[in-house]
Amino acid sequence: MQYQLYNQNGRKKIFRHQEPYIVMTDKEGLAQFNDLPGGLYCMKTMDPIQNMSILFGTKKIKQLYMKSYPSRKTTIMNEDNGQWSLKI
């Protein structure tokens, strides 16, 4: 599945090298965005049938690790070894 990165509101696309920042999941279903500066981001699926978005990032200046901030619609979230996983 493909995921695209947006700003905090989910309205403006984030670009890398003048192209939209899109990642594919691997065989285990993991997607990874590399070298993101601090701030909040919205990750959206590119599948129109399975429309889903997740807010993640850092809210505080001294926050060392990015966190996921699920909305009320996102119900199945797990944290294992410091990594967030979402079952779709």
PDB file of N, CA and C in Angstrom:
ATOM      1  N   MET A   1       0.842  -1.166   0.000  1.00  0.00           N
ATOM      2  CA  MET A   1       0.000   0.000   0.000  1.00  0.00           C
ATOM      3  C   MET A   1       0.894   1.237   0.000  1.00  0.00           C
ATOM      4  N   GLN A   2       0.441   2.297  -0.614  1.00  0.00           N
ATOM      5  CA  GLN A   2       1.191   3.530  -0.681  1.00  0.00           C
ATOM      6  C   GLN A   2       0.631   4.555   0.303  1.00  0.00           C
ATOM      7  N   TYR A   3       1.549   5.304   0.922  1.00  0.00           N
ATOM      8  CA  TYR A   3       1.186   6.370   1.844  1.00  0.00           C
ATOM      9  C   TYR A   3       1.853   7.661   1.383  1.00  0.00           C
ATOM     10  N   GLN A   4       1.141   8.770   1.541  1.00  0.00           N
ATOM     11  CA  GLN A   4       1.678  10.075   1.182  1.00  0.00           C
ATOM     12  C   GLN A   4       1.701  10.959   2.412  1.00  0.00           C
ATOM     13  N   LEU A   5       2.724  11.805   2.491  1.00  0.00           N
ATOM     14  CA  LEU A   5       2.920  12.670   3.645  1.00  0.00           C
ATOM     15  C   LEU A   5       2.357  14.062   3.371  1.00  0.00           C
ATOM     16  N   TYR A   6       1.597  14.579   4.348  1.00  0.00           N
ATOM     17  CA  TYR A   6       0.973  15.903   4.261  1.00  0.00           C
ATOM     18  C   TYR A   6       1.360  16.725   5.480  1.00  0.00           C
ATOM     19  N   ASN A   7       1.010  18.015   5.462  1.00  0.00           N
ATOM     20  CA  ASN A   7       1.244  18.861   6.628  1.00  0.00           C
ATOM     21  C   ASN A   7       0.284  18.459   7.751  1.00  0.00           C
ATOM     22  N   GLN A   8       0.342  19.165   8.850  1.00  0.00           N
ATOM     23  CA  GLN A   8      -0.459  18.826  10.032  1.00  0.00           C
ATOM     24  C   GLN A   8      -1.959  18.790   9.740  1.00  0.00           C
ATOM     25  N   ASN A   9      -2.449  19.701   8.917  1.00  0.00           N
ATOM     26  CA  ASN A   9      -3.876  19.750   8.607  1.00  0.00           C
ATOM     27  C   ASN A   9      -4.295  18.714   7.580  1.00  0.00           C
ATOM     28  N   GLY A  10      -3.338  18.122   6.895  1.00  0.00           N
ATOM     29  CA  GLY A  10      -3.655  17.127   5.878  1.00  0.00           C
ATOM     30  C   GLY A  10      -4.084  17.737   4.560  1.00  0.00           C
ATOM     31  N   ARG A  11      -3.744  18.995   4.325  1.00  0.00           N
ATOM     32  CA  ARG A  11      -4.182  19.676   3.103  1.00  0.00           C
ATOM     33  C   ARG A  11      -3.052  19.906   2.107  1.00  0.00           C
ATOM     34  N   LYS A  12      -1.842  20.183   2.591  1.00  0.00           N
ATOM     35  CA  LYS A  12      -0.707  20.455   1.697  1.00  0.00           C
ATOM     36  C   LYS A  12       0.230  19.256   1.676  1.00  0.00           C
ATOM     37  N   LYS A  13       0.626  18.834   0.491  1.00  0.00           N
ATOM     38  CA  LYS A  13       1.547  17.714   0.339  1.00  0.00           C
ATOM     39  C   LYS A  13       2.956  18.145   0.722  1.00  0.00           C
ATOM     40  N   ILE A  14       3.706  17.208   1.312  1.00  0.00           N
ATOM     41  CA  ILE A  14       5.117  17.418   1.608  1.00  0.00           C
ATOM     42  C   ILE A  14       5.907  16.901   0.412  1.00  0.00           C
ATOM     43  N   PHE A  15       6.902  17.679  -0.031  1.00  0.00           N
ATOM     44  CA  PHE A  15       7.695  17.319  -1.197  1.00  0.00           C
ATOM     45  C   PHE A  15       9.135  17.024  -0.804  1.00  0.00           C
ATOM     46  N   ARG A  16       9.748  16.072  -1.512  1.00  0.00           N
ATOM     47  CA  ARG A  16      11.165  15.762  -1.421  1.00  0.00           C
ATOM     48  C   ARG A  16      11.706  15.732  -2.842  1.00  0.00           C
ATOM     49  N   HIS A  17      12.716  16.540  -3.105  1.00  0.00           N
ATOM     50  CA  HIS A  17      13.332  16.617  -4.440  1.00  0.00           C
ATOM     51  C   HIS A  17      12.298  16.942  -5.507  1.00  0.00           C
ATOM     52  N   GLN A  18      11.433  17.908  -5.227  1.00  0.00           N
ATOM     53  CA  GLN A  18      10.390  18.415  -6.124  1.00  0.00           C
ATOM     54  C   GLN A  18       9.365  17.347  -6.516  1.00  0.00           C
ATOM     55  N   GLU A  19       9.218  16.285  -5.724  1.00  0.00           N
ATOM     56  CA  GLU A  19       8.206  15.250  -5.946  1.00  0.00           C
ATOM     57  C   GLU A  19       7.475  14.992  -4.639  1.00  0.00           C
ATOM     58  N   PRO A  20       6.189  14.621  -4.691  1.00  0.00           N
ATOM     59  CA  PRO A  20       5.462  14.297  -3.450  1.00  0.00           C
ATOM     60  C   PRO A  20       6.154  13.162  -2.698  1.00  0.00           C
ATOM     61  N   TYR A  21       6.188  13.276  -1.370  1.00  0.00           N
ATOM     62  CA  TYR A  21       6.861  12.278  -0.531  1.00  0.00           C
ATOM     63  C   TYR A  21       5.918  11.083  -0.343  1.00  0.00           C
ATOM     64  N   ILE A  22       6.151  10.018  -1.093  1.00  0.00           N
ATOM     65  CA  ILE A  22       5.325   8.814  -1.085  1.00  0.00           C
ATOM     66  C   ILE A  22       6.201   7.617  -0.726  1.00  0.00           C
ATOM     67  N   VAL A  23       5.703   6.759   0.167  1.00  0.00           N
ATOM     68  CA  VAL A  23       6.424   5.534   0.524  1.00  0.00           C
ATOM     69  C   VAL A  23       5.501   4.340   0.319  1.00  0.00           C
ATOM     70  N   MET A  24       6.128   3.199   0.066  1.00  0.00           N
ATOM     71  CA  MET A  24       5.404   1.929  -0.080  1.00  0.00           C
ATOM     72  C   MET A  24       5.668   1.076   1.157  1.00  0.00           C
ATOM     73  N   THR A  25       4.724   0.252   1.515  1.00  0.00           N
ATOM     74  CA  THR A  25       4.927  -0.676   2.626  1.00  0.00           C
ATOM     75  C   THR A  25       5.723  -1.880   2.134  1.00  0.00           C
ATOM     76  N   ASP A  26       6.452  -2.501   3.053  1.00  0.00           N
ATOM     77  CA  ASP A  26       7.195  -3.702   2.704  1.00  0.00           C
ATOM     78  C   ASP A  26       6.311  -4.933   2.911  1.00  0.00           C
ATOM     79  N   LYS A  27       6.910  -6.120   2.903  1.00  0.00           N
ATOM     80  CA  LYS A  27       6.135  -7.364   3.029  1.00  0.00           C
ATOM     81  C   LYS A  27       5.420  -7.472   4.368  1.00  0.00           C
ATOM     82  N   GLU A  28       6.000  -6.879   5.412  1.00  0.00           N
ATOM     83  CA  GLU A  28       5.369  -6.913   6.740  1.00  0.00           C
ATOM     84  C   GLU A  28       4.350  -5.807   6.932  1.00  0.00           C
ATOM     85  N   GLY A  29       4.211  -4.913   5.956  1.00  0.00           N
ATOM     86  CA  GLY A  29       3.249  -3.824   6.050  1.00  0.00           C
ATOM     87  C   GLY A  29       3.783  -2.587   6.745  1.00  0.00           C
ATOM     88  N   LEU A  30       5.117  -2.452   6.821  1.00  0.00           N
ATOM     89  CA  LEU A  30       5.731  -1.308   7.487  1.00  0.00           C
ATOM     90  C   LEU A  30       6.121  -0.250   6.461  1.00  0.00           C
ATOM     91  N   ALA A  31       5.837   1.001   6.780  1.00  0.00           N
ATOM     92  CA  ALA A  31       6.234   2.138   5.949  1.00  0.00           C
ATOM     93  C   ALA A  31       7.112   3.044   6.795  1.00  0.00           C
ATOM     94  N   GLN A  32       8.138   3.631   6.189  1.00  0.00           N
ATOM     95  CA  GLN A  32       9.074   4.458   6.938  1.00  0.00           C
ATOM     96  C   GLN A  32       9.366   5.740   6.179  1.00  0.00           C
ATOM     97  N   PHE A  33       9.202   6.874   6.882  1.00  0.00           N
ATOM     98  CA  PHE A  33       9.576   8.183   6.358  1.00  0.00           C
ATOM     99  C   PHE A  33      10.896   8.564   7.023  1.00  0.00           C
ATOM    100  N   ASN A  34      11.911   8.894   6.237  1.00  0.00           N
ATOM    101  CA  ASN A  34      13.237   9.188   6.772  1.00  0.00           C
ATOM    102  C   ASN A  34      13.519  10.682   6.785  1.00  0.00           C
ATOM    103  N   ASP A  35      14.354  11.098   7.759  1.00  0.00           N
ATOM    104  CA  ASP A  35      14.890  12.449   7.862  1.00  0.00           C
ATOM    105  C   ASP A  35      13.808  13.536   7.887  1.00  0.00           C
ATOM    106  N   LEU A  36      12.850  13.379   8.775  1.00  0.00           N
ATOM    107  CA  LEU A  36      11.811  14.407   8.929  1.00  0.00           C
ATOM    108  C   LEU A  36      12.209  15.375  10.035  1.00  0.00           C
ATOM    109  N   PRO A  37      12.082  16.682   9.797  1.00  0.00           N
ATOM    110  CA  PRO A  37      12.323  17.623  10.889  1.00  0.00           C
ATOM    111  C   PRO A  37      11.182  17.580  11.897  1.00  0.00           C
ATOM    112  N   GLY A  38      11.408  18.161  13.071  1.00  0.00           N
ATOM    113  CA  GLY A  38      10.383  18.175  14.104  1.00  0.00           C
ATOM    114  C   GLY A  38       9.123  18.888  13.644  1.00  0.00           C
ATOM    115  N   GLY A  39       7.992  18.466  14.157  1.00  0.00           N
ATOM    116  CA  GLY A  39       6.706  19.032  13.793  1.00  0.00           C
ATOM    117  C   GLY A  39       5.683  17.923  13.630  1.00  0.00           C
ATOM    118  N   LEU A  40       4.463  18.292  13.313  1.00  0.00           N
ATOM    119  CA  LEU A  40       3.398  17.319  13.129  1.00  0.00           C
ATOM    120  C   LEU A  40       3.147  17.089  11.639  1.00  0.00           C
ATOM    121  N   TYR A  41       2.847  15.853  11.298  1.00  0.00           N
ATOM    122  CA  TYR A  41       2.592  15.457   9.923  1.00  0.00           C
ATOM    123  C   TYR A  41       1.344  14.588   9.867  1.00  0.00           C
ATOM    124  N   CYS A  42       0.757  14.514   8.708  1.00  0.00           N
ATOM    125  CA  CYS A  42      -0.399  13.651   8.472  1.00  0.00           C
ATOM    126  C   CYS A  42      -0.014  12.656   7.385  1.00  0.00           C
ATOM    127  N   MET A  43      -0.210  11.385   7.650  1.00  0.00           N
ATOM    128  CA  MET A  43       0.075  10.334   6.684  1.00  0.00           C
ATOM    129  C   MET A  43      -1.260   9.797   6.174  1.00  0.00           C
ATOM    130  N   LYS A  44      -1.445   9.811   4.852  1.00  0.00           N
ATOM    131  CA  LYS A  44      -2.701   9.356   4.261  1.00  0.00           C
ATOM    132  C   LYS A  44      -2.451   8.218   3.284  1.00  0.00           C
ATOM    133  N   THR A  45      -3.405   7.290   3.241  1.00  0.00           N
ATOM    134  CA  THR A  45      -3.329   6.236   2.240  1.00  0.00           C
ATOM    135  C   THR A  45      -3.684   6.813   0.884  1.00  0.00           C
ATOM    136  N   MET A  46      -3.127   6.224  -0.155  1.00  0.00           N
ATOM    137  CA  MET A  46      -3.412   6.693  -1.506  1.00  0.00           C
ATOM    138  C   MET A  46      -4.505   5.855  -2.159  1.00  0.00           C
ATOM    139  N   ASP A  47      -5.108   4.954  -1.399  1.00  0.00           N
ATOM    140  CA  ASP A  47      -6.192   4.107  -1.888  1.00  0.00           C
ATOM    141  C   ASP A  47      -7.523   4.823  -1.642  1.00  0.00           C
ATOM    142  N   PRO A  48      -8.280   5.179  -2.692  1.00  0.00           N
ATOM    143  CA  PRO A  48      -9.540   5.901  -2.470  1.00  0.00           C
ATOM    144  C   PRO A  48     -10.603   5.058  -1.763  1.00  0.00           C
ATOM    145  N   ILE A  49     -10.508   3.739  -1.856  1.00  0.00           N
ATOM    146  CA  ILE A  49     -11.499   2.866  -1.208  1.00  0.00           C
ATOM    147  C   ILE A  49     -11.256   2.812   0.292  1.00  0.00           C
ATOM    148  N   GLN A  50      -9.990   2.706   0.689  1.00  0.00           N
ATOM    149  CA  GLN A  50      -9.633   2.587   2.098  1.00  0.00           C
ATOM    150  C   GLN A  50      -9.006   3.901   2.553  1.00  0.00           C
ATOM    151  N   ASN A  51      -9.808   4.936   2.692  1.00  0.00           N
ATOM    152  CA  ASN A  51      -9.329   6.265   3.033  1.00  0.00           C
ATOM    153  C   ASN A  51      -9.036   6.344   4.524  1.00  0.00           C
ATOM    154  N   MET A  52      -7.751   6.597   4.873  1.00  0.00           N
ATOM    155  CA  MET A  52      -7.348   6.642   6.269  1.00  0.00           C
ATOM    156  C   MET A  52      -6.229   7.664   6.424  1.00  0.00           C
ATOM    157  N   SER A  53      -6.194   8.362   7.536  1.00  0.00           N
ATOM    158  CA  SER A  53      -5.104   9.290   7.816  1.00  0.00           C
ATOM    159  C   SER A  53      -4.715   9.186   9.286  1.00  0.00           C
ATOM    160  N   ILE A  54      -3.414   9.413   9.550  1.00  0.00           N
ATOM    161  CA  ILE A  54      -2.882   9.339  10.906  1.00  0.00           C
ATOM    162  C   ILE A  54      -2.008  10.566  11.140  1.00  0.00           C
ATOM    163  N   LEU A  55      -2.168  11.203  12.282  1.00  0.00           N
ATOM    164  CA  LEU A  55      -1.355  12.343  12.665  1.00  0.00           C
ATOM    165  C   LEU A  55      -0.199  11.829  13.526  1.00  0.00           C
ATOM    166  N   PHE A  56       1.034  12.249  13.194  1.00  0.00           N
ATOM    167  CA  PHE A  56       2.190  11.844  13.981  1.00  0.00           C
ATOM    168  C   PHE A  56       3.244  12.948  13.958  1.00  0.00           C
ATOM    169  N   GLY A  57       4.195  12.853  14.872  1.00  0.00           N
ATOM    170  CA  GLY A  57       5.285  13.818  14.914  1.00  0.00           C
ATOM    171  C   GLY A  57       5.609  14.228  16.334  1.00  0.00           C
ATOM    172  N   THR A  58       6.194  15.421  16.463  1.00  0.00           N
ATOM    173  CA  THR A  58       6.567  15.947  17.771  1.00  0.00           C
ATOM    174  C   THR A  58       5.789  17.230  18.042  1.00  0.00           C
ATOM    175  N   LYS A  59       5.232  17.346  19.259  1.00  0.00           N
ATOM    176  CA  LYS A  59       4.472  18.531  19.639  1.00  0.00           C
ATOM    177  C   LYS A  59       5.302  19.490  20.487  1.00  0.00           C
ATOM    178  N   LYS A  60       6.274  18.954  21.218  1.00  0.00           N
ATOM    179  CA  LYS A  60       7.065  19.777  22.120  1.00  0.00           C
ATOM    180  C   LYS A  60       8.507  19.878  21.620  1.00  0.00           C
ATOM    181  N   ILE A  61       9.171  20.966  21.956  1.00  0.00           N
ATOM    182  CA  ILE A  61      10.535  21.195  21.493  1.00  0.00           C
ATOM    183  C   ILE A  61      11.494  20.135  22.033  1.00  0.00           C
ATOM    184  N   LYS A  62      11.342  19.756  23.291  1.00  0.00           N
ATOM    185  CA  LYS A  62      12.265  18.803  23.912  1.00  0.00           C
ATOM    186  C   LYS A  62      11.881  17.347  23.678  1.00  0.00           C
ATOM    187  N   GLN A  63      10.852  17.097  22.922  1.00  0.00           N
ATOM    188  CA  GLN A  63      10.411  15.729  22.642  1.00  0.00           C
ATOM    189  C   GLN A  63      11.423  15.056  21.714  1.00  0.00           C
ATOM    190  N   LEU A  64      12.001  13.936  22.154  1.00  0.00           N
ATOM    191  CA  LEU A  64      13.053  13.273  21.388  1.00  0.00           C
ATOM    192  C   LEU A  64      12.522  12.358  20.292  1.00  0.00           C
ATOM    193  N   TYR A  65      11.410  11.700  20.538  1.00  0.00           N
ATOM    194  CA  TYR A  65      10.886  10.715  19.600  1.00  0.00           C
ATOM    195  C   TYR A  65       9.520  11.146  19.087  1.00  0.00           C
ATOM    196  N   MET A  66       9.251  10.800  17.848  1.00  0.00           N
ATOM    197  CA  MET A  66       7.943  11.102  17.273  1.00  0.00           C
ATOM    198  C   MET A  66       6.901  10.160  17.860  1.00  0.00           C
ATOM    199  N   LYS A  67       5.694  10.666  18.012  1.00  0.00           N
ATOM    200  CA  LYS A  67       4.572   9.884  18.528  1.00  0.00           C
ATOM    201  C   LYS A  67       3.444   9.909  17.524  1.00  0.00           C
ATOM    202  N   SER A  68       2.567   8.959  17.654  1.00  0.00           N
ATOM    203  CA  SER A  68       1.354   8.933  16.851  1.00  0.00           C
ATOM    204  C   SER A  68       0.228   9.523  17.685  1.00  0.00           C
ATOM    205  N   TYR A  69      -0.582  10.355  17.068  1.00  0.00           N
ATOM    206  CA  TYR A  69      -1.718  10.983  17.740  1.00  0.00           C
ATOM    207  C   TYR A  69      -2.989  10.541  17.018  1.00  0.00           C
ATOM    208  N   PRO A  70      -3.487   9.352  17.357  1.00  0.00           N
ATOM    209  CA  PRO A  70      -4.661   8.835  16.647  1.00  0.00           C
ATOM    210  C   PRO A  70      -5.921   9.634  16.950  1.00  0.00           C
ATOM    211  N   SER A  71      -6.794   9.712  15.958  1.00  0.00           N
ATOM    212  CA  SER A  71      -8.079  10.379  16.156  1.00  0.00           C
ATOM    213  C   SER A  71      -9.070   9.376  16.735  1.00  0.00           C
ATOM    214  N   ARG A  72     -10.262   9.796  16.935  1.00  0.00           N
ATOM    215  CA  ARG A  72     -11.288   8.899  17.480  1.00  0.00           C
ATOM    216  C   ARG A  72     -11.643   7.796  16.493  1.00  0.00           C
ATOM    217  N   LYS A  73     -11.423   8.041  15.201  1.00  0.00           N
ATOM    218  CA  LYS A  73     -11.741   7.039  14.183  1.00  0.00           C
ATOM    219  C   LYS A  73     -10.738   5.890  14.183  1.00  0.00           C
ATOM    220  N   THR A  74      -9.479   6.166  14.556  1.00  0.00           N
ATOM    221  CA  THR A  74      -8.444   5.147  14.571  1.00  0.00           C
ATOM    222  C   THR A  74      -8.546   4.382  15.879  1.00  0.00           C
ATOM    223  N   THR A  75      -8.868   3.101  15.804  1.00  0.00           N
ATOM    224  CA  THR A  75      -9.140   2.357  17.027  1.00  0.00           C
ATOM    225  C   THR A  75      -8.096   1.293  17.342  1.00  0.00           C
ATOM    226  N   ILE A  76      -7.406   0.763  16.363  1.00  0.00           N
ATOM    227  CA  ILE A  76      -6.508  -0.363  16.613  1.00  0.00           C
ATOM    228  C   ILE A  76      -5.066   0.097  16.468  1.00  0.00           C
ATOM    229  N   MET A  77      -4.456   0.533  17.563  1.00  0.00           N
ATOM    230  CA  MET A  77      -3.070   0.990  17.564  1.00  0.00           C
ATOM    231  C   MET A  77      -2.312   0.214  18.632  1.00  0.00           C
ATOM    232  N   ASN A  78      -1.083  -0.186  18.333  1.00  0.00           N
ATOM    233  CA  ASN A  78      -0.228  -0.894  19.277  1.00  0.00           C
ATOM    234  C   ASN A  78       1.143  -0.254  19.297  1.00  0.00           C
ATOM    235  N   GLU A  79       1.808  -0.287  20.456  1.00  0.00           N
ATOM    236  CA  GLU A  79       3.185   0.192  20.539  1.00  0.00           C
ATOM    237  C   GLU A  79       4.053  -0.967  20.996  1.00  0.00           C
ATOM    238  N   ASP A  80       4.994  -1.382  20.153  1.00  0.00           N
ATOM    239  CA  ASP A  80       5.922  -2.455  20.475  1.00  0.00           C
ATOM    240  C   ASP A  80       7.335  -1.956  20.254  1.00  0.00           C
ATOM    241  N   ASN A  81       8.164  -2.049  21.284  1.00  0.00           N
ATOM    242  CA  ASN A  81       9.573  -1.661  21.191  1.00  0.00           C
ATOM    243  C   ASN A  81       9.744  -0.237  20.678  1.00  0.00           C
ATOM    244  N   GLY A  82       8.896   0.667  21.070  1.00  0.00           N
ATOM    245  CA  GLY A  82       9.026   2.051  20.668  1.00  0.00           C
ATOM    246  C   GLY A  82       8.528   2.357  19.273  1.00  0.00           C
ATOM    247  N   GLN A  83       7.947   1.377  18.572  1.00  0.00           N
ATOM    248  CA  GLN A  83       7.418   1.585  17.235  1.00  0.00           C
ATOM    249  C   GLN A  83       5.914   1.409  17.257  1.00  0.00           C
ATOM    250  N   TRP A  84       5.226   2.316  16.567  1.00  0.00           N
ATOM    251  CA  TRP A  84       3.773   2.239  16.485  1.00  0.00           C
ATOM    252  C   TRP A  84       3.380   1.406  15.296  1.00  0.00           C
ATOM    253  N   SER A  85       2.395   0.553  15.469  1.00  0.00           N
ATOM    254  CA  SER A  85       1.870  -0.225  14.350  1.00  0.00           C
ATOM    255  C   SER A  85       0.364  -0.049  14.314  1.00  0.00           C
ATOM    256  N   LEU A  86      -0.180  -0.024  13.128  1.00  0.00           N
ATOM    257  CA  LEU A  86      -1.602   0.184  12.918  1.00  0.00           C
ATOM    258  C   LEU A  86      -2.138  -0.974  12.117  1.00  0.00           C
ATOM    259  N   LYS A  87      -3.156  -1.635  12.602  1.00  0.00           N
ATOM    260  CA  LYS A  87      -3.784  -2.722  11.852  1.00  0.00           C
ATOM    261  C   LYS A  87      -4.909  -2.177  11.026  1.00  0.00           C
ATOM    262  N   ILE A  88      -4.872  -2.460   9.742  1.00  0.00           N
ATOM    263  CA  ILE A  88      -5.873  -1.984   8.813  1.00  0.00           C
ATOM    264  C   ILE A  88      -6.751  -3.156   8.379  1.00  0.00           C
TER     265      ILE A  88
END
